[in-house]
Amino acid sequence: EGAVKAIEDIDKLLTVLNNKQSEIGAVFNRLESVAMSNTMGVENMSAGLSTIVDADIAKLNSEYVKNQILQNASSALMVQASNLNREVVLGLLRNL
């Protein structure tokens, strides 16, 4: 009779142990899921930041190219204006 009682007590303890193991496993799975979600969130934010930085660099680069084009056009106009002034002066001198 004592052995049967001991086996019943052991069965109850094993049931409690199994229940606690299940609870711990469920908590562990939830924590693992949250950690994975946070990792994905960090990766997504990094990718978003990288896209923003790339867009900023592209904008700055296009402004730089635009300014170079304007500078080159200004230089070309200055040369043409200088040549035009010489031609006008020479034309005026010829008429004298």
C-alpha atoms as a PDB file:
ATOM      1  CA  GLU A   1       0.000   0.000   0.000  1.00  0.00           C
ATOM      2  CA  GLY A   2       2.891   2.374   0.789  1.00  0.00           C
ATOM      3  CA  ALA A   3       4.523   1.630  -2.551  1.00  0.00           C
ATOM      4  CA  VAL A   4       1.289   2.391  -4.431  1.00  0.00           C
ATOM      5  CA  LYS A   5       0.985   5.680  -2.544  1.00  0.00           C
ATOM      6  CA  ALA A   6       4.594   6.550  -3.396  1.00  0.00           C
ATOM      7  CA  ILE A   7       3.995   5.765  -7.084  1.00  0.00           C
ATOM      8  CA  GLU A   8       0.859   7.954  -7.067  1.00  0.00           C
ATOM      9  CA  ASP A   9       2.848  10.785  -5.465  1.00  0.00           C
ATOM     10  CA  ILE A  10       5.587  10.377  -8.053  1.00  0.00           C
ATOM     11  CA  ASP A  11       2.976  10.453 -10.858  1.00  0.00           C
ATOM     12  CA  LYS A  12       1.500  13.678  -9.434  1.00  0.00           C
ATOM     13  CA  LEU A  13       4.962  15.221  -9.196  1.00  0.00           C
ATOM     14  CA  LEU A  14       5.754  14.138 -12.758  1.00  0.00           C
ATOM     15  CA  THR A  15       2.496  15.741 -13.930  1.00  0.00           C
ATOM     16  CA  VAL A  16       3.389  18.983 -12.135  1.00  0.00           C
ATOM     17  CA  LEU A  17       6.901  18.803 -13.583  1.00  0.00           C
ATOM     18  CA  ASN A  18       5.555  18.242 -17.110  1.00  0.00           C
ATOM     19  CA  ASN A  19       3.133  21.165 -16.710  1.00  0.00           C
ATOM     20  CA  LYS A  20       5.931  23.451 -15.531  1.00  0.00           C
ATOM     21  CA  GLN A  21       8.129  22.281 -18.398  1.00  0.00           C
ATOM     22  CA  SER A  22       5.317  23.127 -20.832  1.00  0.00           C
ATOM     23  CA  GLU A  23       4.894  26.578 -19.279  1.00  0.00           C
ATOM     24  CA  ILE A  24       8.635  27.254 -19.478  1.00  0.00           C
ATOM     25  CA  GLY A  25       8.704  26.044 -23.089  1.00  0.00           C
ATOM     26  CA  ALA A  26       5.804  28.340 -23.998  1.00  0.00           C
ATOM     27  CA  VAL A  27       7.510  31.327 -22.358  1.00  0.00           C
ATOM     28  CA  PHE A  28      10.774  30.474 -24.108  1.00  0.00           C
ATOM     29  CA  ASN A  29       8.976  30.291 -27.476  1.00  0.00           C
ATOM     30  CA  ARG A  30       7.335  33.671 -26.885  1.00  0.00           C
ATOM     31  CA  LEU A  31      10.674  35.229 -25.928  1.00  0.00           C
ATOM     32  CA  GLU A  32      12.313  33.692 -28.979  1.00  0.00           C
ATOM     33  CA  SER A  33       9.529  35.080 -31.167  1.00  0.00           C
ATOM     34  CA  VAL A  34       9.906  38.567 -29.681  1.00  0.00           C
ATOM     35  CA  ALA A  35      13.692  38.443 -30.149  1.00  0.00           C
ATOM     36  CA  MET A  36      13.253  37.400 -33.786  1.00  0.00           C
ATOM     37  CA  SER A  37      10.703  40.166 -34.329  1.00  0.00           C
ATOM     38  CA  ASN A  38      13.057  42.742 -32.816  1.00  0.00           C
ATOM     39  CA  THR A  39      15.915  41.501 -34.982  1.00  0.00           C
ATOM     40  CA  MET A  40      13.768  41.863 -38.082  1.00  0.00           C
ATOM     41  CA  GLY A  41      12.726  45.343 -36.957  1.00  0.00           C
ATOM     42  CA  VAL A  42      16.363  46.386 -36.591  1.00  0.00           C
ATOM     43  CA  GLU A  43      17.183  44.982 -40.031  1.00  0.00           C
ATOM     44  CA  ASN A  44      14.231  46.820 -41.577  1.00  0.00           C
ATOM     45  CA  MET A  45      15.238  50.090 -39.932  1.00  0.00           C
ATOM     46  CA  SER A  46      18.817  49.655 -41.128  1.00  0.00           C
ATOM     47  CA  ALA A  47      17.607  49.010 -44.663  1.00  0.00           C
ATOM     48  CA  GLY A  48      15.349  52.067 -44.495  1.00  0.00           C
ATOM     49  CA  LEU A  49      18.182  54.242 -43.212  1.00  0.00           C
ATOM     50  CA  SER A  50      20.458  52.963 -45.962  1.00  0.00           C
ATOM     51  CA  THR A  51      17.823  53.852 -48.581  1.00  0.00           C
ATOM     52  CA  ILE A  52      17.452  57.357 -47.129  1.00  0.00           C
ATOM     53  CA  VAL A  53      21.219  57.883 -47.086  1.00  0.00           C
ATOM     54  CA  ASP A  54      21.475  56.632 -50.686  1.00  0.00           C
ATOM     55  CA  ALA A  55      18.729  59.053 -51.734  1.00  0.00           C
ATOM     56  CA  ASP A  56      20.477  61.933 -49.960  1.00  0.00           C
ATOM     57  CA  ILE A  57      23.771  61.104 -51.667  1.00  0.00           C
ATOM     58  CA  ALA A  58      22.048  60.858 -55.054  1.00  0.00           C
ATOM     59  CA  LYS A  59      20.417  64.257 -54.492  1.00  0.00           C
ATOM     60  CA  LEU A  60      23.745  65.861 -53.519  1.00  0.00           C
ATOM     61  CA  ASN A  61      25.440  64.258 -56.511  1.00  0.00           C
ATOM     62  CA  SER A  62      22.784  65.542 -58.911  1.00  0.00           C
ATOM     63  CA  GLU A  63      23.096  69.057 -57.432  1.00  0.00           C
ATOM     64  CA  TYR A  64      26.876  68.857 -57.864  1.00  0.00           C
ATOM     65  CA  VAL A  65      26.513  67.794 -61.514  1.00  0.00           C
ATOM     66  CA  LYS A  66      23.947  70.541 -62.118  1.00  0.00           C
ATOM     67  CA  ASN A  67      26.305  73.152 -60.672  1.00  0.00           C
ATOM     68  CA  GLN A  68      29.172  71.840 -62.810  1.00  0.00           C
ATOM     69  CA  ILE A  69      27.005  72.117 -65.925  1.00  0.00           C
ATOM     70  CA  LEU A  70      26.010  75.668 -64.995  1.00  0.00           C
ATOM     71  CA  GLN A  71      29.638  76.590 -64.360  1.00  0.00           C
ATOM     72  CA  ASN A  72      30.741  75.119 -67.693  1.00  0.00           C
ATOM     73  CA  ALA A  73      27.906  76.924 -69.485  1.00  0.00           C
ATOM     74  CA  SER A  74      28.876  80.191 -67.786  1.00  0.00           C
ATOM     75  CA  SER A  75      32.501  79.754 -68.826  1.00  0.00           C
ATOM     76  CA  ALA A  76      31.463  79.051 -72.409  1.00  0.00           C
ATOM     77  CA  LEU A  77      29.261  82.144 -72.443  1.00  0.00           C
ATOM     78  CA  MET A  78      32.109  84.251 -71.040  1.00  0.00           C
ATOM     79  CA  VAL A  79      34.415  83.033 -73.814  1.00  0.00           C
ATOM     80  CA  GLN A  80      31.773  83.750 -76.431  1.00  0.00           C
ATOM     81  CA  ALA A  81      31.105  87.166 -74.948  1.00  0.00           C
ATOM     82  CA  SER A  82      34.832  87.914 -74.913  1.00  0.00           C
ATOM     83  CA  ASN A  83      35.160  86.875 -78.562  1.00  0.00           C
ATOM     84  CA  LEU A  84      32.070  88.890 -79.443  1.00  0.00           C
ATOM     85  CA  ASN A  85      33.502  92.000 -77.768  1.00  0.00           C
ATOM     86  CA  ARG A  86      36.730  91.637 -79.772  1.00  0.00           C
ATOM     87  CA  GLU A  87      34.759  91.320 -82.999  1.00  0.00           C
ATOM     88  CA  VAL A  88      32.656  94.368 -82.154  1.00  0.00           C
ATOM     89  CA  VAL A  89      35.769  96.410 -81.295  1.00  0.00           C
ATOM     90  CA  LEU A  90      37.541  95.262 -84.466  1.00  0.00           C
ATOM     91  CA  GLY A  91      34.444  96.061 -86.526  1.00  0.00           C
ATOM     92  CA  LEU A  92      34.266  99.513 -85.031  1.00  0.00           C
ATOM     93  CA  LEU A  93      37.955 100.071 -85.717  1.00  0.00           C
ATOM     94  CA  ARG A  94      37.525  98.995 -89.343  1.00  0.00           C
ATOM     95  CA  ASN A  95      34.770 101.561 -89.802  1.00  0.00           C
ATOM     96  CA  LEU A  96      37.054 104.377 -88.681  1.00  0.00           C
END
